[in-house]
Amino acid sequence: MARRITRTVITRPYNWYHDTFKPWLEKWLRRTVYTGMAGILAYVGFVTITQPKSMVYTANAEPLVVTEVKVVDHYIKDVPPIMKAIATCESQGKQYKKDGSVVTGKVNPGDKGKWQINEGVWGAQAKKLGYDIHTEKGNEAMAMWIFEHKGSVPWRASSDCWNK
């Protein structure tokens, strides 16, 4: 006798607080606290809220096949002042040398680019995120990811220069 397979579909109504506002607020607090601007509420006026349709989750959904990966450079315009100072101290704000090669660390040649991202420490994560730290956009995007998740701690070796 054949066994009947049932599919379970769970629908959850859209919740503005949990689906839109809370993730935005957590991201905003991380960025403002790390840059020392916790008291500034200027971003509040720029929030736009869109309400998507309710989400549907299915237990037996078809697998998603990724055919193309694009690096999203939404961080480019949002570089905090402290990160600009870090880049200046780490590499004089330059991704490439005069001969066109990527700037490498003087103390550790594994440090690459404008933000001197260590390839041994962050290389695997950068690849996982789709960032190439040897390009200016990829180096910047990875630096912003590190800053968003770890703050300025990974650049503490140069803090005497940028933490004035």
N, C-alpha and C. Protein backbone atom coordinates (compact mmCIF):
# COMPACT_ATOMS: atom_id res chain seq x y z
N MET A 1 0.85 -1.17 0.00
CA MET A 1 0.00 0.00 0.00
C MET A 1 0.90 1.24 0.00
N ALA A 2 0.59 2.19 -0.86
CA ALA A 2 1.38 3.42 -0.98
C ALA A 2 1.11 4.34 0.19
N ARG A 3 2.17 4.96 0.65
CA ARG A 3 2.05 5.89 1.76
C ARG A 3 1.83 7.29 1.22
N ARG A 4 0.92 8.00 1.76
CA ARG A 4 0.60 9.35 1.29
C ARG A 4 1.54 10.36 1.96
N ILE A 5 2.13 11.23 1.15
CA ILE A 5 3.03 12.26 1.67
C ILE A 5 2.25 13.58 1.70
N THR A 6 2.24 14.20 2.84
CA THR A 6 1.54 15.48 2.96
C THR A 6 2.56 16.60 3.05
N ARG A 7 2.21 17.73 2.55
CA ARG A 7 3.06 18.92 2.63
C ARG A 7 2.48 19.89 3.64
N THR A 8 3.33 20.43 4.44
CA THR A 8 2.91 21.38 5.45
C THR A 8 3.28 22.78 5.00
N VAL A 9 2.31 23.66 4.94
CA VAL A 9 2.56 25.05 4.58
C VAL A 9 2.22 25.90 5.78
N ILE A 10 3.21 26.67 6.21
CA ILE A 10 3.01 27.53 7.37
C ILE A 10 3.05 28.97 6.89
N THR A 11 2.01 29.69 7.13
CA THR A 11 2.00 31.10 6.76
C THR A 11 2.08 31.93 8.02
N ARG A 12 2.83 32.97 7.90
CA ARG A 12 2.97 33.91 9.01
C ARG A 12 2.64 35.29 8.48
N PRO A 13 1.71 35.99 9.10
CA PRO A 13 1.38 37.33 8.59
C PRO A 13 2.56 38.28 8.77
N TYR A 14 2.62 39.25 7.91
CA TYR A 14 3.67 40.26 7.96
C TYR A 14 3.56 41.04 9.28
N ASN A 15 4.67 41.19 9.96
CA ASN A 15 4.72 41.94 11.21
C ASN A 15 5.69 43.09 11.02
N TRP A 16 5.21 44.32 10.95
CA TRP A 16 6.03 45.47 10.65
C TRP A 16 7.18 45.62 11.65
N TYR A 17 6.93 45.42 12.92
CA TYR A 17 7.96 45.61 13.92
C TYR A 17 9.09 44.60 13.75
N HIS A 18 8.74 43.30 13.66
CA HIS A 18 9.77 42.26 13.60
C HIS A 18 10.41 42.13 12.22
N ASP A 19 9.66 42.40 11.14
CA ASP A 19 10.17 42.19 9.79
C ASP A 19 10.87 43.41 9.20
N THR A 20 10.51 44.61 9.63
CA THR A 20 11.08 45.82 9.02
C THR A 20 11.81 46.68 10.04
N PHE A 21 11.12 47.10 11.07
CA PHE A 21 11.69 48.09 11.98
C PHE A 21 12.82 47.53 12.85
N LYS A 22 12.63 46.37 13.46
CA LYS A 22 13.62 45.83 14.38
C LYS A 22 14.97 45.55 13.70
N PRO A 23 15.00 44.88 12.51
CA PRO A 23 16.30 44.69 11.85
C PRO A 23 16.97 46.01 11.48
N TRP A 24 16.17 46.97 11.02
CA TRP A 24 16.73 48.28 10.67
C TRP A 24 17.29 48.96 11.92
N LEU A 25 16.56 48.93 13.02
CA LEU A 25 16.99 49.58 14.25
C LEU A 25 18.27 48.94 14.79
N GLU A 26 18.35 47.60 14.76
CA GLU A 26 19.56 46.93 15.24
C GLU A 26 20.78 47.30 14.39
N LYS A 27 20.60 47.35 13.09
CA LYS A 27 21.71 47.73 12.20
C LYS A 27 22.10 49.18 12.45
N TRP A 28 21.12 50.05 12.59
CA TRP A 28 21.39 51.48 12.82
C TRP A 28 22.11 51.68 14.15
N LEU A 29 21.69 50.99 15.20
CA LEU A 29 22.34 51.13 16.50
C LEU A 29 23.78 50.64 16.44
N ARG A 30 24.02 49.52 15.75
CA ARG A 30 25.40 49.04 15.62
C ARG A 30 26.27 50.09 14.96
N ARG A 31 25.79 50.65 13.88
CA ARG A 31 26.60 51.63 13.16
C ARG A 31 26.81 52.91 13.97
N THR A 32 25.77 53.42 14.59
CA THR A 32 25.91 54.69 15.30
C THR A 32 26.70 54.55 16.59
N VAL A 33 26.53 53.44 17.29
CA VAL A 33 27.28 53.26 18.53
C VAL A 33 28.76 53.12 18.22
N TYR A 34 29.11 52.33 17.20
CA TYR A 34 30.51 52.14 16.86
C TYR A 34 31.16 53.43 16.36
N THR A 35 30.42 54.31 15.76
CA THR A 35 31.01 55.55 15.25
C THR A 35 30.88 56.69 16.26
N GLY A 36 30.34 56.44 17.41
CA GLY A 36 30.26 57.46 18.44
C GLY A 36 29.14 58.46 18.23
N MET A 37 28.15 58.10 17.44
CA MET A 37 27.06 59.03 17.14
C MET A 37 25.73 58.51 17.66
N ALA A 38 25.74 57.88 18.82
CA ALA A 38 24.52 57.26 19.33
C ALA A 38 23.41 58.28 19.57
N GLY A 39 23.75 59.50 19.89
CA GLY A 39 22.74 60.50 20.18
C GLY A 39 22.13 61.17 18.97
N ILE A 40 22.69 60.97 17.81
CA ILE A 40 22.20 61.65 16.60
C ILE A 40 21.05 60.87 16.01
N LEU A 41 19.95 61.51 15.82
CA LEU A 41 18.78 60.83 15.29
C LEU A 41 18.42 61.33 13.89
N ALA A 42 19.41 61.78 13.15
CA ALA A 42 19.16 62.32 11.82
C ALA A 42 18.66 61.27 10.84
N TYR A 43 19.02 60.01 11.06
CA TYR A 43 18.60 58.96 10.13
C TYR A 43 17.10 58.72 10.16
N VAL A 44 16.42 59.10 11.22
CA VAL A 44 15.01 58.80 11.38
C VAL A 44 14.19 59.37 10.23
N GLY A 45 14.56 60.54 9.75
CA GLY A 45 13.82 61.16 8.66
C GLY A 45 13.99 60.47 7.34
N PHE A 46 14.97 59.60 7.20
CA PHE A 46 15.25 58.95 5.92
C PHE A 46 14.68 57.54 5.82
N VAL A 47 13.97 57.11 6.83
CA VAL A 47 13.45 55.75 6.84
C VAL A 47 12.21 55.68 5.94
N THR A 48 12.24 54.76 5.03
CA THR A 48 11.05 54.49 4.23
C THR A 48 10.64 53.07 4.51
N ILE A 49 9.38 52.88 4.66
CA ILE A 49 8.88 51.57 5.04
C ILE A 49 7.98 51.03 3.93
N THR A 50 8.29 49.85 3.48
CA THR A 50 7.43 49.18 2.51
C THR A 50 6.93 47.91 3.14
N GLN A 51 5.73 47.56 2.86
CA GLN A 51 5.15 46.37 3.48
C GLN A 51 4.94 45.30 2.41
N PRO A 52 5.80 44.28 2.38
CA PRO A 52 5.60 43.20 1.42
C PRO A 52 4.42 42.33 1.81
N LYS A 53 4.00 41.49 0.90
CA LYS A 53 2.91 40.55 1.19
C LYS A 53 3.36 39.57 2.26
N SER A 54 2.39 38.90 2.87
CA SER A 54 2.77 37.96 3.92
C SER A 54 3.66 36.87 3.35
N MET A 55 4.54 36.37 4.19
CA MET A 55 5.52 35.38 3.75
C MET A 55 4.93 33.98 3.86
N VAL A 56 5.30 33.11 2.93
CA VAL A 56 4.83 31.73 2.94
C VAL A 56 6.05 30.83 3.05
N TYR A 57 6.03 29.94 4.00
CA TYR A 57 7.10 28.97 4.19
C TYR A 57 6.55 27.59 3.87
N THR A 58 7.28 26.81 3.09
CA THR A 58 6.82 25.47 2.77
C THR A 58 7.91 24.47 3.14
N ALA A 59 7.50 23.32 3.61
CA ALA A 59 8.45 22.32 4.06
C ALA A 59 9.15 21.63 2.90
N ASN A 60 8.48 21.44 1.76
CA ASN A 60 9.05 20.72 0.63
C ASN A 60 9.25 21.63 -0.57
N ALA A 61 9.83 22.79 -0.34
CA ALA A 61 10.05 23.73 -1.44
C ALA A 61 11.19 23.24 -2.32
N GLU A 62 11.16 23.65 -3.58
CA GLU A 62 12.24 23.29 -4.49
C GLU A 62 13.50 24.02 -4.06
N PRO A 63 14.68 23.39 -4.22
CA PRO A 63 15.92 24.05 -3.82
C PRO A 63 16.23 25.24 -4.72
N LEU A 64 16.81 26.25 -4.14
CA LEU A 64 17.19 27.45 -4.86
C LEU A 64 18.56 27.23 -5.49
N VAL A 65 18.67 27.48 -6.78
CA VAL A 65 19.93 27.32 -7.48
C VAL A 65 20.47 28.72 -7.78
N VAL A 66 21.65 29.03 -7.26
CA VAL A 66 22.27 30.33 -7.48
C VAL A 66 23.06 30.26 -8.77
N THR A 67 22.70 31.12 -9.72
CA THR A 67 23.38 31.14 -11.02
C THR A 67 24.32 32.32 -11.15
N GLU A 68 24.12 33.34 -10.33
CA GLU A 68 24.96 34.53 -10.43
C GLU A 68 25.07 35.17 -9.06
N VAL A 69 26.25 35.63 -8.72
CA VAL A 69 26.47 36.33 -7.46
C VAL A 69 26.92 37.73 -7.79
N LYS A 70 26.25 38.71 -7.22
CA LYS A 70 26.63 40.10 -7.45
C LYS A 70 27.06 40.72 -6.13
N VAL A 71 28.15 41.48 -6.17
CA VAL A 71 28.59 42.19 -4.98
C VAL A 71 27.79 43.48 -4.91
N VAL A 72 27.09 43.65 -3.82
CA VAL A 72 26.28 44.85 -3.64
C VAL A 72 27.15 45.90 -2.96
N ASP A 73 27.33 47.02 -3.61
CA ASP A 73 28.20 48.06 -3.06
C ASP A 73 27.41 49.19 -2.41
N HIS A 74 26.36 48.81 -1.63
CA HIS A 74 25.57 49.81 -0.96
C HIS A 74 26.33 50.51 0.17
N TYR A 75 27.47 49.96 0.58
CA TYR A 75 28.25 50.57 1.65
C TYR A 75 29.03 51.79 1.18
N ILE A 76 29.29 51.89 -0.11
CA ILE A 76 30.20 52.89 -0.64
C ILE A 76 29.86 54.30 -0.14
N LYS A 77 28.60 54.66 -0.14
CA LYS A 77 28.24 56.01 0.29
C LYS A 77 28.08 56.13 1.81
N ASP A 78 28.10 55.00 2.52
CA ASP A 78 27.85 55.02 3.96
C ASP A 78 29.11 54.79 4.79
N VAL A 79 30.27 55.16 4.28
CA VAL A 79 31.51 54.92 5.02
C VAL A 79 31.57 55.90 6.20
N PRO A 80 31.58 55.38 7.43
CA PRO A 80 31.64 56.25 8.60
C PRO A 80 32.99 56.98 8.67
N PRO A 81 33.02 58.15 9.29
CA PRO A 81 34.26 58.92 9.39
C PRO A 81 35.41 58.13 10.04
N ILE A 82 35.10 57.30 11.02
CA ILE A 82 36.16 56.54 11.68
C ILE A 82 36.80 55.55 10.70
N MET A 83 36.01 54.98 9.79
CA MET A 83 36.55 54.05 8.81
C MET A 83 37.42 54.78 7.79
N LYS A 84 37.05 56.01 7.45
CA LYS A 84 37.89 56.82 6.56
C LYS A 84 39.24 57.08 7.23
N ALA A 85 39.21 57.37 8.53
CA ALA A 85 40.45 57.60 9.27
C ALA A 85 41.29 56.32 9.35
N ILE A 86 40.64 55.18 9.54
CA ILE A 86 41.36 53.91 9.59
C ILE A 86 42.04 53.64 8.25
N ALA A 87 41.33 53.87 7.15
CA ALA A 87 41.92 53.65 5.82
C ALA A 87 43.12 54.56 5.59
N THR A 88 43.01 55.80 6.04
CA THR A 88 44.12 56.74 5.89
C THR A 88 45.34 56.26 6.68
N CYS A 89 45.13 55.79 7.88
CA CYS A 89 46.24 55.31 8.72
C CYS A 89 46.82 53.99 8.21
N GLU A 90 45.97 53.11 7.72
CA GLU A 90 46.42 51.79 7.29
C GLU A 90 47.20 51.84 5.98
N SER A 91 46.72 52.64 5.01
CA SER A 91 47.31 52.58 3.67
C SER A 91 47.38 53.95 2.98
N GLN A 92 47.29 55.02 3.75
CA GLN A 92 47.20 56.37 3.19
C GLN A 92 45.97 56.49 2.28
N GLY A 93 44.97 55.65 2.51
CA GLY A 93 43.73 55.68 1.76
C GLY A 93 43.84 55.15 0.34
N LYS A 94 44.86 54.35 0.08
CA LYS A 94 45.09 53.86 -1.28
C LYS A 94 44.92 52.34 -1.34
N GLN A 95 44.26 51.88 -2.38
CA GLN A 95 44.09 50.45 -2.63
C GLN A 95 45.26 49.89 -3.44
N TYR A 96 45.79 50.72 -4.34
CA TYR A 96 46.84 50.25 -5.25
C TYR A 96 48.11 51.08 -5.13
N LYS A 97 49.25 50.43 -5.39
CA LYS A 97 50.54 51.12 -5.45
C LYS A 97 50.66 51.81 -6.81
N LYS A 98 51.73 52.58 -7.01
CA LYS A 98 51.94 53.27 -8.28
C LYS A 98 52.08 52.29 -9.44
N ASP A 99 52.62 51.10 -9.19
CA ASP A 99 52.79 50.12 -10.27
C ASP A 99 51.51 49.33 -10.56
N GLY A 100 50.41 49.62 -9.83
CA GLY A 100 49.13 48.97 -10.08
C GLY A 100 48.86 47.75 -9.23
N SER A 101 49.84 47.31 -8.45
CA SER A 101 49.62 46.16 -7.57
C SER A 101 48.90 46.60 -6.29
N VAL A 102 48.27 45.64 -5.63
CA VAL A 102 47.52 45.93 -4.40
C VAL A 102 48.49 46.27 -3.28
N VAL A 103 48.14 47.29 -2.49
CA VAL A 103 48.94 47.68 -1.33
C VAL A 103 48.94 46.52 -0.35
N THR A 104 50.12 46.14 0.14
CA THR A 104 50.23 45.07 1.13
C THR A 104 50.83 45.65 2.41
N GLY A 105 50.62 44.94 3.51
CA GLY A 105 51.11 45.41 4.80
C GLY A 105 52.63 45.38 4.89
N LYS A 106 53.18 46.36 5.60
CA LYS A 106 54.62 46.40 5.82
C LYS A 106 55.04 45.36 6.85
N VAL A 107 54.27 45.24 7.91
CA VAL A 107 54.56 44.28 8.96
C VAL A 107 54.09 42.89 8.55
N ASN A 108 52.89 42.80 7.99
CA ASN A 108 52.32 41.52 7.58
C ASN A 108 51.90 41.62 6.12
N PRO A 109 52.60 40.97 5.20
CA PRO A 109 52.24 41.04 3.78
C PRO A 109 50.88 40.41 3.47
N GLY A 110 50.27 39.73 4.43
CA GLY A 110 48.93 39.18 4.24
C GLY A 110 47.84 40.23 4.34
N ASP A 111 48.18 41.43 4.82
CA ASP A 111 47.23 42.53 4.89
C ASP A 111 47.13 43.16 3.51
N LYS A 112 45.90 43.28 3.00
CA LYS A 112 45.71 43.71 1.62
C LYS A 112 44.80 44.93 1.52
N GLY A 113 45.17 45.85 0.63
CA GLY A 113 44.29 46.92 0.20
C GLY A 113 44.18 48.11 1.12
N LYS A 114 43.18 48.92 0.81
CA LYS A 114 42.95 50.20 1.49
C LYS A 114 42.77 50.05 3.00
N TRP A 115 42.05 49.01 3.41
CA TRP A 115 41.80 48.78 4.83
C TRP A 115 42.69 47.70 5.42
N GLN A 116 43.68 47.25 4.67
CA GLN A 116 44.65 46.26 5.14
C GLN A 116 43.94 45.06 5.77
N ILE A 117 43.03 44.47 5.01
CA ILE A 117 42.29 43.30 5.47
C ILE A 117 43.19 42.08 5.36
N ASN A 118 43.35 41.37 6.46
CA ASN A 118 44.24 40.22 6.50
C ASN A 118 43.60 39.05 5.76
N GLU A 119 44.29 38.61 4.72
CA GLU A 119 43.76 37.54 3.87
C GLU A 119 43.64 36.22 4.61
N GLY A 120 44.57 35.93 5.51
CA GLY A 120 44.52 34.68 6.27
C GLY A 120 43.35 34.64 7.24
N VAL A 121 43.01 35.78 7.82
CA VAL A 121 41.93 35.85 8.81
C VAL A 121 40.57 36.00 8.14
N TRP A 122 40.46 36.90 7.17
CA TRP A 122 39.17 37.27 6.60
C TRP A 122 38.94 36.76 5.17
N GLY A 123 39.93 36.13 4.56
CA GLY A 123 39.81 35.70 3.17
C GLY A 123 38.66 34.75 2.90
N ALA A 124 38.49 33.75 3.75
CA ALA A 124 37.41 32.77 3.55
C ALA A 124 36.04 33.43 3.70
N GLN A 125 35.90 34.30 4.68
CA GLN A 125 34.62 35.00 4.88
C GLN A 125 34.33 35.91 3.70
N ALA A 126 35.36 36.58 3.19
CA ALA A 126 35.18 37.47 2.03
C ALA A 126 34.69 36.67 0.83
N LYS A 127 35.29 35.51 0.58
CA LYS A 127 34.85 34.67 -0.54
C LYS A 127 33.42 34.21 -0.34
N LYS A 128 33.08 33.84 0.89
CA LYS A 128 31.72 33.38 1.21
C LYS A 128 30.71 34.49 0.92
N LEU A 129 31.09 35.75 1.20
CA LEU A 129 30.20 36.88 0.97
C LEU A 129 30.25 37.36 -0.48
N GLY A 130 31.19 36.86 -1.26
CA GLY A 130 31.30 37.27 -2.66
C GLY A 130 32.16 38.51 -2.85
N TYR A 131 33.03 38.84 -1.91
CA TYR A 131 33.88 40.01 -2.00
C TYR A 131 35.30 39.61 -2.39
N ASP A 132 35.89 40.37 -3.28
CA ASP A 132 37.29 40.17 -3.66
C ASP A 132 38.07 41.31 -3.01
N ILE A 133 38.84 41.00 -1.97
CA ILE A 133 39.54 42.06 -1.22
C ILE A 133 40.69 42.67 -2.00
N HIS A 134 40.99 42.12 -3.17
CA HIS A 134 42.05 42.70 -4.01
C HIS A 134 41.52 43.82 -4.89
N THR A 135 40.20 44.01 -4.95
CA THR A 135 39.61 45.13 -5.67
C THR A 135 39.18 46.19 -4.66
N GLU A 136 39.07 47.42 -5.11
CA GLU A 136 38.72 48.50 -4.19
C GLU A 136 37.32 48.33 -3.61
N LYS A 137 36.35 48.00 -4.48
CA LYS A 137 34.98 47.82 -3.99
C LYS A 137 34.87 46.62 -3.05
N GLY A 138 35.52 45.53 -3.40
CA GLY A 138 35.48 44.34 -2.55
C GLY A 138 36.16 44.56 -1.22
N ASN A 139 37.29 45.28 -1.23
CA ASN A 139 38.02 45.58 -0.01
C ASN A 139 37.17 46.46 0.91
N GLU A 140 36.52 47.45 0.30
CA GLU A 140 35.68 48.36 1.08
C GLU A 140 34.46 47.64 1.63
N ALA A 141 33.82 46.82 0.80
CA ALA A 141 32.63 46.09 1.26
C ALA A 141 32.99 45.14 2.41
N MET A 142 34.13 44.47 2.31
CA MET A 142 34.56 43.56 3.38
C MET A 142 34.91 44.34 4.64
N ALA A 143 35.56 45.49 4.48
CA ALA A 143 35.88 46.33 5.64
C ALA A 143 34.60 46.78 6.35
N MET A 144 33.58 47.14 5.59
CA MET A 144 32.32 47.57 6.20
C MET A 144 31.63 46.39 6.90
N TRP A 145 31.75 45.19 6.30
CA TRP A 145 31.17 44.00 6.94
C TRP A 145 31.88 43.73 8.26
N ILE A 146 33.20 43.80 8.25
CA ILE A 146 33.98 43.57 9.48
C ILE A 146 33.60 44.61 10.53
N PHE A 147 33.52 45.87 10.12
CA PHE A 147 33.19 46.96 11.04
C PHE A 147 31.80 46.77 11.62
N GLU A 148 30.86 46.33 10.78
CA GLU A 148 29.49 46.12 11.23
C GLU A 148 29.39 44.98 12.24
N HIS A 149 30.23 43.96 12.09
CA HIS A 149 30.16 42.79 12.96
C HIS A 149 31.15 42.80 14.12
N LYS A 150 32.28 43.48 13.96
CA LYS A 150 33.33 43.46 14.99
C LYS A 150 33.73 44.85 15.48
N GLY A 151 33.18 45.89 14.87
CA GLY A 151 33.57 47.24 15.26
C GLY A 151 34.97 47.56 14.76
N SER A 152 35.66 48.46 15.44
CA SER A 152 37.00 48.86 15.02
C SER A 152 38.09 47.99 15.65
N VAL A 153 37.70 46.98 16.42
CA VAL A 153 38.66 46.12 17.12
C VAL A 153 39.71 45.50 16.19
N PRO A 154 39.34 44.99 15.00
CA PRO A 154 40.37 44.40 14.15
C PRO A 154 41.47 45.37 13.70
N TRP A 155 41.25 46.66 13.83
CA TRP A 155 42.24 47.67 13.44
C TRP A 155 42.90 48.33 14.66
N ARG A 156 42.83 47.67 15.81
CA ARG A 156 43.36 48.28 17.04
C ARG A 156 44.86 48.51 16.97
N ALA A 157 45.59 47.75 16.15
CA ALA A 157 47.05 47.93 16.05
C ALA A 157 47.41 49.33 15.55
N SER A 158 46.55 49.93 14.76
CA SER A 158 46.81 51.29 14.25
C SER A 158 45.98 52.35 14.96
N SER A 159 45.41 52.00 16.10
CA SER A 159 44.49 52.94 16.80
C SER A 159 45.20 54.19 17.30
N ASP A 160 46.50 54.13 17.53
CA ASP A 160 47.22 55.35 17.93
C ASP A 160 47.13 56.43 16.86
N CYS A 161 47.00 56.00 15.63
CA CYS A 161 46.91 56.94 14.51
C CYS A 161 45.48 57.46 14.32
N TRP A 162 44.48 56.56 14.27
CA TRP A 162 43.12 56.98 13.91
C TRP A 162 42.23 57.30 15.10
N ASN A 163 42.63 56.98 16.33
CA ASN A 163 41.79 57.21 17.50
C ASN A 163 42.25 58.46 18.25
N LYS A 164 42.29 59.56 17.57
CA LYS A 164 42.73 60.82 18.19
C LYS A 164 41.56 61.72 18.47
